Amino acid sequence: YDELWIDGRRESAGANWTWVKNNRIINNSVVSYPEWYNGSSDKKTNCLAFARLGHDMPIVVPSDCRRGKPFLCIKT
């Protein structure tokens, strides 16, 4: 699947996910956002990305912040 960075981050595994811009906690409920990946939570996966499963199913995925990915949107 392809991934795009979004503005979500956490300080460490087990910490709350927050938006970088305003430090608000991100609610990971399916009601508010696309489904979140329900896999293991690695210590290195402290940034959030949008990904897709198949061709049309969006999903939010914790990912390693050091991996190069395009951004969904960039404020200039």
PDB file of N, CA and C in Angstrom:
ATOM      1  N   TYR A   1       0.822  -1.183   0.000  1.00  0.00           N
ATOM      2  CA  TYR A   1       0.000   0.000   0.000  1.00  0.00           C
ATOM      3  C   TYR A   1       0.868   1.249   0.000  1.00  0.00           C
ATOM      4  N   ASP A   2       0.315   2.360  -0.420  1.00  0.00           N
ATOM      5  CA  ASP A   2       1.003   3.647  -0.403  1.00  0.00           C
ATOM      6  C   ASP A   2       0.661   4.369   0.888  1.00  0.00           C
ATOM      7  N   GLU A   3       1.587   5.171   1.378  1.00  0.00           N
ATOM      8  CA  GLU A   3       1.343   5.927   2.605  1.00  0.00           C
ATOM      9  C   GLU A   3       1.656   7.396   2.395  1.00  0.00           C
ATOM     10  N   LEU A   4       0.911   8.256   3.089  1.00  0.00           N
ATOM     11  CA  LEU A   4       1.128   9.698   3.100  1.00  0.00           C
ATOM     12  C   LEU A   4       1.187  10.151   4.554  1.00  0.00           C
ATOM     13  N   TRP A   5       2.171  10.997   4.874  1.00  0.00           N
ATOM     14  CA  TRP A   5       2.238  11.509   6.234  1.00  0.00           C
ATOM     15  C   TRP A   5       1.064  12.429   6.515  1.00  0.00           C
ATOM     16  N   ILE A   6       0.529  12.324   7.740  1.00  0.00           N
ATOM     17  CA  ILE A   6      -0.428  13.304   8.244  1.00  0.00           C
ATOM     18  C   ILE A   6       0.209  13.921   9.483  1.00  0.00           C
ATOM     19  N   ASP A   7      -0.420  14.846  10.109  1.00  0.00           N
ATOM     20  CA  ASP A   7       0.175  15.646  11.177  1.00  0.00           C
ATOM     21  C   ASP A   7       0.052  15.005  12.557  1.00  0.00           C
ATOM     22  N   GLY A   8      -0.005  13.687  12.639  1.00  0.00           N
ATOM     23  CA  GLY A   8      -0.151  13.017  13.925  1.00  0.00           C
ATOM     24  C   GLY A   8       1.163  12.458  14.429  1.00  0.00           C
ATOM     25  N   ARG A   9       1.348  12.537  15.754  1.00  0.00           N
ATOM     26  CA  ARG A   9       2.597  12.071  16.339  1.00  0.00           C
ATOM     27  C   ARG A   9       2.375  11.700  17.802  1.00  0.00           C
ATOM     28  N   ARG A  10       3.239  10.861  18.332  1.00  0.00           N
ATOM     29  CA  ARG A  10       3.245  10.575  19.772  1.00  0.00           C
ATOM     30  C   ARG A  10       4.690  10.576  20.244  1.00  0.00           C
ATOM     31  N   GLU A  11       4.885  10.827  21.524  1.00  0.00           N
ATOM     32  CA  GLU A  11       6.236  10.912  22.082  1.00  0.00           C
ATOM     33  C   GLU A  11       6.890   9.544  22.230  1.00  0.00           C
ATOM     34  N   SER A  12       6.093   8.528  22.566  1.00  0.00           N
ATOM     35  CA  SER A  12       6.633   7.186  22.765  1.00  0.00           C
ATOM     36  C   SER A  12       5.509   6.169  22.645  1.00  0.00           C
ATOM     37  N   ALA A  13       5.871   4.899  22.520  1.00  0.00           N
ATOM     38  CA  ALA A  13       4.868   3.832  22.433  1.00  0.00           C
ATOM     39  C   ALA A  13       3.981   3.878  23.671  1.00  0.00           C
ATOM     40  N   GLY A  14       2.684   3.781  23.472  1.00  0.00           N
ATOM     41  CA  GLY A  14       1.735   3.819  24.571  1.00  0.00           C
ATOM     42  C   GLY A  14       1.240   5.213  24.923  1.00  0.00           C
ATOM     43  N   ALA A  15       1.905   6.255  24.412  1.00  0.00           N
ATOM     44  CA  ALA A  15       1.470   7.631  24.681  1.00  0.00           C
ATOM     45  C   ALA A  15       0.291   7.982  23.776  1.00  0.00           C
ATOM     46  N   ASN A  16      -0.410   9.061  24.117  1.00  0.00           N
ATOM     47  CA  ASN A  16      -1.512   9.531  23.277  1.00  0.00           C
ATOM     48  C   ASN A  16      -0.996  10.059  21.947  1.00  0.00           C
ATOM     49  N   TRP A  17      -1.769   9.827  20.898  1.00  0.00           N
ATOM     50  CA  TRP A  17      -1.492  10.435  19.599  1.00  0.00           C
ATOM     51  C   TRP A  17      -2.007  11.866  19.656  1.00  0.00           C
ATOM     52  N   THR A  18      -1.229  12.821  19.152  1.00  0.00           N
ATOM     53  CA  THR A  18      -1.646  14.218  19.130  1.00  0.00           C
ATOM     54  C   THR A  18      -1.359  14.822  17.760  1.00  0.00           C
ATOM     55  N   TRP A  19      -2.084  15.911  17.452  1.00  0.00           N
ATOM     56  CA  TRP A  19      -1.792  16.680  16.246  1.00  0.00           C
ATOM     57  C   TRP A  19      -0.594  17.563  16.550  1.00  0.00           C
ATOM     58  N   VAL A  20       0.396  17.595  15.669  1.00  0.00           N
ATOM     59  CA  VAL A  20       1.606  18.381  15.876  1.00  0.00           C
ATOM     60  C   VAL A  20       1.270  19.868  15.971  1.00  0.00           C
ATOM     61  N   LYS A  21       0.383  20.346  15.120  1.00  0.00           N
ATOM     62  CA  LYS A  21       0.078  21.777  15.038  1.00  0.00           C
ATOM     63  C   LYS A  21      -0.462  22.350  16.346  1.00  0.00           C
ATOM     64  N   ASN A  22      -1.378  21.633  17.022  1.00  0.00           N
ATOM     65  CA  ASN A  22      -2.015  22.214  18.205  1.00  0.00           C
ATOM     66  C   ASN A  22      -1.938  21.321  19.447  1.00  0.00           C
ATOM     67  N   ASN A  23      -1.279  20.194  19.349  1.00  0.00           N
ATOM     68  CA  ASN A  23      -1.076  19.258  20.459  1.00  0.00           C
ATOM     69  C   ASN A  23      -2.375  18.658  21.004  1.00  0.00           C
ATOM     70  N   ARG A  24      -3.461  18.711  20.240  1.00  0.00           N
ATOM     71  CA  ARG A  24      -4.718  18.089  20.668  1.00  0.00           C
ATOM     72  C   ARG A  24      -4.641  16.580  20.498  1.00  0.00           C
ATOM     73  N   ILE A  25      -5.242  15.863  21.442  1.00  0.00           N
ATOM     74  CA  ILE A  25      -5.262  14.403  21.376  1.00  0.00           C
ATOM     75  C   ILE A  25      -6.141  13.954  20.216  1.00  0.00           C
ATOM     76  N   ILE A  26      -5.667  12.972  19.468  1.00  0.00           N
ATOM     77  CA  ILE A  26      -6.410  12.423  18.338  1.00  0.00           C
ATOM     78  C   ILE A  26      -7.256  11.260  18.839  1.00  0.00           C
ATOM     79  N   ASN A  27      -8.532  11.336  18.615  1.00  0.00           N
ATOM     80  CA  ASN A  27      -9.452  10.263  18.975  1.00  0.00           C
ATOM     81  C   ASN A  27      -9.403   9.220  17.867  1.00  0.00           C
ATOM     82  N   ASN A  28      -9.043   8.006  18.183  1.00  0.00           N
ATOM     83  CA  ASN A  28      -8.906   6.977  17.145  1.00  0.00           C
ATOM     84  C   ASN A  28     -10.177   6.164  16.949  1.00  0.00           C
ATOM     85  N   SER A  29     -11.326   6.775  17.220  1.00  0.00           N
ATOM     86  CA  SER A  29     -12.585   6.056  16.994  1.00  0.00           C
ATOM     87  C   SER A  29     -12.898   5.999  15.507  1.00  0.00           C
ATOM     88  N   VAL A  30     -13.523   4.935  15.094  1.00  0.00           N
ATOM     89  CA  VAL A  30     -13.886   4.760  13.686  1.00  0.00           C
ATOM     90  C   VAL A  30     -14.923   5.799  13.266  1.00  0.00           C
ATOM     91  N   VAL A  31     -15.667   6.343  14.212  1.00  0.00           N
ATOM     92  CA  VAL A  31     -16.684   7.346  13.908  1.00  0.00           C
ATOM     93  C   VAL A  31     -16.045   8.622  13.362  1.00  0.00           C
ATOM     94  N   SER A  32     -14.889   9.012  13.916  1.00  0.00           N
ATOM     95  CA  SER A  32     -14.270  10.283  13.553  1.00  0.00           C
ATOM     96  C   SER A  32     -13.291  10.199  12.392  1.00  0.00           C
ATOM     97  N   TYR A  33     -12.669   9.085  12.184  1.00  0.00           N
ATOM     98  CA  TYR A  33     -11.598   8.952  11.205  1.00  0.00           C
ATOM     99  C   TYR A  33     -11.742   7.627  10.465  1.00  0.00           C
ATOM    100  N   PRO A  34     -10.986   7.446   9.398  1.00  0.00           N
ATOM    101  CA  PRO A  34     -10.942   6.092   8.811  1.00  0.00           C
ATOM    102  C   PRO A  34     -10.418   5.111   9.860  1.00  0.00           C
ATOM    103  N   GLU A  35     -10.666   3.859   9.638  1.00  0.00           N
ATOM    104  CA  GLU A  35     -10.232   2.812  10.568  1.00  0.00           C
ATOM    105  C   GLU A  35      -8.726   2.890  10.808  1.00  0.00           C
ATOM    106  N   TRP A  36      -8.307   2.572  12.027  1.00  0.00           N
ATOM    107  CA  TRP A  36      -6.887   2.536  12.371  1.00  0.00           C
ATOM    108  C   TRP A  36      -6.381   1.110  12.230  1.00  0.00           C
ATOM    109  N   TYR A  37      -5.120   0.974  11.831  1.00  0.00           N
ATOM    110  CA  TYR A  37      -4.476  -0.327  11.749  1.00  0.00           C
ATOM    111  C   TYR A  37      -4.448  -0.937  13.140  1.00  0.00           C
ATOM    112  N   ASN A  38      -4.848  -2.169  13.262  1.00  0.00           N
ATOM    113  CA  ASN A  38      -4.947  -2.824  14.558  1.00  0.00           C
ATOM    114  C   ASN A  38      -3.863  -3.883  14.702  1.00  0.00           C
ATOM    115  N   GLY A  39      -2.621  -3.476  14.523  1.00  0.00           N
ATOM    116  CA  GLY A  39      -1.510  -4.414  14.634  1.00  0.00           C
ATOM    117  C   GLY A  39      -0.650  -4.076  15.832  1.00  0.00           C
ATOM    118  N   SER A  40       0.514  -4.668  15.888  1.00  0.00           N
ATOM    119  CA  SER A  40       1.417  -4.410  17.004  1.00  0.00           C
ATOM    120  C   SER A  40       1.889  -2.958  16.962  1.00  0.00           C
ATOM    121  N   SER A  41       2.164  -2.413  18.133  1.00  0.00           N
ATOM    122  CA  SER A  41       2.611  -1.027  18.242  1.00  0.00           C
ATOM    123  C   SER A  41       4.099  -1.010  18.565  1.00  0.00           C
ATOM    124  N   ASP A  42       4.910  -0.854  17.557  1.00  0.00           N
ATOM    125  CA  ASP A  42       6.358  -0.839  17.683  1.00  0.00           C
ATOM    126  C   ASP A  42       6.819   0.495  18.282  1.00  0.00           C
ATOM    127  N   LYS A  43       7.918   0.475  19.036  1.00  0.00           N
ATOM    128  CA  LYS A  43       8.471   1.697  19.614  1.00  0.00           C
ATOM    129  C   LYS A  43       8.859   2.714  18.551  1.00  0.00           C
ATOM    130  N   LYS A  44       9.195   2.252  17.355  1.00  0.00           N
ATOM    131  CA  LYS A  44       9.660   3.143  16.291  1.00  0.00           C
ATOM    132  C   LYS A  44       8.528   3.776  15.498  1.00  0.00           C
ATOM    133  N   THR A  45       7.291   3.394  15.744  1.00  0.00           N
ATOM    134  CA  THR A  45       6.176   3.888  14.937  1.00  0.00           C
ATOM    135  C   THR A  45       5.451   5.013  15.667  1.00  0.00           C
ATOM    136  N   ASN A  46       6.072   6.190  15.692  1.00  0.00           N
ATOM    137  CA  ASN A  46       5.536   7.314  16.446  1.00  0.00           C
ATOM    138  C   ASN A  46       4.992   8.443  15.579  1.00  0.00           C
ATOM    139  N   CYS A  47       4.809   8.206  14.292  1.00  0.00           N
ATOM    140  CA  CYS A  47       4.178   9.176  13.395  1.00  0.00           C
ATOM    141  C   CYS A  47       3.015   8.487  12.689  1.00  0.00           C
ATOM    142  N   LEU A  48       2.007   9.274  12.291  1.00  0.00           N
ATOM    143  CA  LEU A  48       0.830   8.702  11.640  1.00  0.00           C
ATOM    144  C   LEU A  48       0.836   8.953  10.143  1.00  0.00           C
ATOM    145  N   ALA A  49       0.360   7.957   9.419  1.00  0.00           N
ATOM    146  CA  ALA A  49       0.233   8.064   7.967  1.00  0.00           C
ATOM    147  C   ALA A  49      -1.145   7.563   7.550  1.00  0.00           C
ATOM    148  N   PHE A  50      -1.639   8.099   6.443  1.00  0.00           N
ATOM    149  CA  PHE A  50      -2.806   7.520   5.782  1.00  0.00           C
ATOM    150  C   PHE A  50      -2.275   6.485   4.817  1.00  0.00           C
ATOM    151  N   ALA A  51      -2.914   5.358   4.766  1.00  0.00           N
ATOM    152  CA  ALA A  51      -2.555   4.302   3.824  1.00  0.00           C
ATOM    153  C   ALA A  51      -3.845   3.779   3.216  1.00  0.00           C
ATOM    154  N   ARG A  52      -3.722   2.759   2.394  1.00  0.00           N
ATOM    155  CA  ARG A  52      -4.918   2.131   1.835  1.00  0.00           C
ATOM    156  C   ARG A  52      -4.701   0.636   1.772  1.00  0.00           C
ATOM    157  N   LEU A  53      -5.769  -0.066   1.974  1.00  0.00           N
ATOM    158  CA  LEU A  53      -5.757  -1.511   1.813  1.00  0.00           C
ATOM    159  C   LEU A  53      -6.529  -1.791   0.543  1.00  0.00           C
ATOM    160  N   GLY A  54      -5.927  -2.526  -0.345  1.00  0.00           N
ATOM    161  CA  GLY A  54      -6.561  -2.699  -1.643  1.00  0.00           C
ATOM    162  C   GLY A  54      -6.533  -1.377  -2.385  1.00  0.00           C
ATOM    163  N   HIS A  55      -7.571  -1.105  -3.153  1.00  0.00           N
ATOM    164  CA  HIS A  55      -7.598   0.128  -3.931  1.00  0.00           C
ATOM    165  C   HIS A  55      -8.438   1.226  -3.314  1.00  0.00           C
ATOM    166  N   ASP A  56      -9.325   0.888  -2.391  1.00  0.00           N
ATOM    167  CA  ASP A  56     -10.282   1.898  -1.964  1.00  0.00           C
ATOM    168  C   ASP A  56     -10.588   1.942  -0.469  1.00  0.00           C
ATOM    169  N   MET A  57      -9.810   1.279   0.364  1.00  0.00           N
ATOM    170  CA  MET A  57     -10.091   1.292   1.801  1.00  0.00           C
ATOM    171  C   MET A  57      -9.027   2.103   2.541  1.00  0.00           C
ATOM    172  N   PRO A  58      -9.361   3.354   2.958  1.00  0.00           N
ATOM    173  CA  PRO A  58      -8.382   4.157   3.689  1.00  0.00           C
ATOM    174  C   PRO A  58      -8.189   3.618   5.097  1.00  0.00           C
ATOM    175  N   ILE A  59      -6.984   3.792   5.610  1.00  0.00           N
ATOM    176  CA  ILE A  59      -6.666   3.321   6.953  1.00  0.00           C
ATOM    177  C   ILE A  59      -5.581   4.228   7.533  1.00  0.00           C
ATOM    178  N   VAL A  60      -5.631   4.465   8.842  1.00  0.00           N
ATOM    179  CA  VAL A  60      -4.606   5.237   9.537  1.00  0.00           C
ATOM    180  C   VAL A  60      -3.590   4.243  10.088  1.00  0.00           C
ATOM    181  N   VAL A  61      -2.308   4.490   9.808  1.00  0.00           N
ATOM    182  CA  VAL A  61      -1.254   3.540  10.151  1.00  0.00           C
ATOM    183  C   VAL A  61      -0.140   4.228  10.944  1.00  0.00           C
ATOM    184  N   PRO A  62       0.212   3.742  12.134  1.00  0.00           N
ATOM    185  CA  PRO A  62       1.414   4.221  12.803  1.00  0.00           C
ATOM    186  C   PRO A  62       2.631   3.793  11.977  1.00  0.00           C
ATOM    187  N   SER A  63       3.582   4.702  11.812  1.00  0.00           N
ATOM    188  CA  SER A  63       4.724   4.406  10.957  1.00  0.00           C
ATOM    189  C   SER A  63       6.000   5.010  11.545  1.00  0.00           C
ATOM    190  N   ASP A  64       7.126   4.497  11.123  1.00  0.00           N
ATOM    191  CA  ASP A  64       8.429   4.992  11.562  1.00  0.00           C
ATOM    192  C   ASP A  64       8.643   6.398  10.999  1.00  0.00           C
ATOM    193  N   CYS A  65       8.875   7.370  11.863  1.00  0.00           N
ATOM    194  CA  CYS A  65       9.027   8.772  11.456  1.00  0.00           C
ATOM    195  C   CYS A  65      10.215   8.988  10.518  1.00  0.00           C
ATOM    196  N   ARG A  66      11.163   8.081  10.517  1.00  0.00           N
ATOM    197  CA  ARG A  66      12.364   8.241   9.684  1.00  0.00           C
ATOM    198  C   ARG A  66      12.156   7.802   8.242  1.00  0.00           C
ATOM    199  N   ARG A  67      11.024   7.162   7.957  1.00  0.00           N
ATOM    200  CA  ARG A  67      10.760   6.699   6.590  1.00  0.00           C
ATOM    201  C   ARG A  67      10.314   7.861   5.725  1.00  0.00           C
ATOM    202  N   GLY A  68      10.871   7.970   4.538  1.00  0.00           N
ATOM    203  CA  GLY A  68      10.491   9.038   3.619  1.00  0.00           C
ATOM    204  C   GLY A  68       9.138   8.761   2.985  1.00  0.00           C
ATOM    205  N   LYS A  69       8.232   9.727   3.108  1.00  0.00           N
ATOM    206  CA  LYS A  69       6.899   9.626   2.509  1.00  0.00           C
ATOM    207  C   LYS A  69       6.469  11.027   2.106  1.00  0.00           C
ATOM    208  N   PRO A  70       5.597  11.139   1.122  1.00  0.00           N
ATOM    209  CA  PRO A  70       5.038  12.463   0.820  1.00  0.00           C
ATOM    210  C   PRO A  70       4.040  12.858   1.908  1.00  0.00           C
ATOM    211  N   PHE A  71       3.785  14.163   2.016  1.00  0.00           N
ATOM    212  CA  PHE A  71       2.797  14.663   2.972  1.00  0.00           C
ATOM    213  C   PHE A  71       1.451  14.804   2.291  1.00  0.00           C
ATOM    214  N   LEU A  72       0.388  14.582   3.050  1.00  0.00           N
ATOM    215  CA  LEU A  72      -0.962  14.755   2.529  1.00  0.00           C
ATOM    216  C   LEU A  72      -1.175  16.213   2.151  1.00  0.00           C
ATOM    217  N   CYS A  73      -0.732  17.125   2.996  1.00  0.00           N
ATOM    218  CA  CYS A  73      -0.761  18.550   2.668  1.00  0.00           C
ATOM    219  C   CYS A  73       0.376  19.215   3.421  1.00  0.00           C
ATOM    220  N   ILE A  74       0.893  20.262   2.851  1.00  0.00           N
ATOM    221  CA  ILE A  74       2.016  20.966   3.447  1.00  0.00           C
ATOM    222  C   ILE A  74       1.656  22.436   3.548  1.00  0.00           C
ATOM    223  N   LYS A  75       1.792  23.007   4.742  1.00  0.00           N
ATOM    224  CA  LYS A  75       1.542  24.430   4.926  1.00  0.00           C
ATOM    225  C   LYS A  75       2.799  25.179   4.520  1.00  0.00           C
ATOM    226  N   THR A  76       2.639  26.126   3.609  1.00  0.00           N
ATOM    227  CA  THR A  76       3.812  26.889   3.157  1.00  0.00           C
ATOM    228  C   THR A  76       3.716  28.332   3.558  1.00  0.00           C
TER     229      THR A  76
END
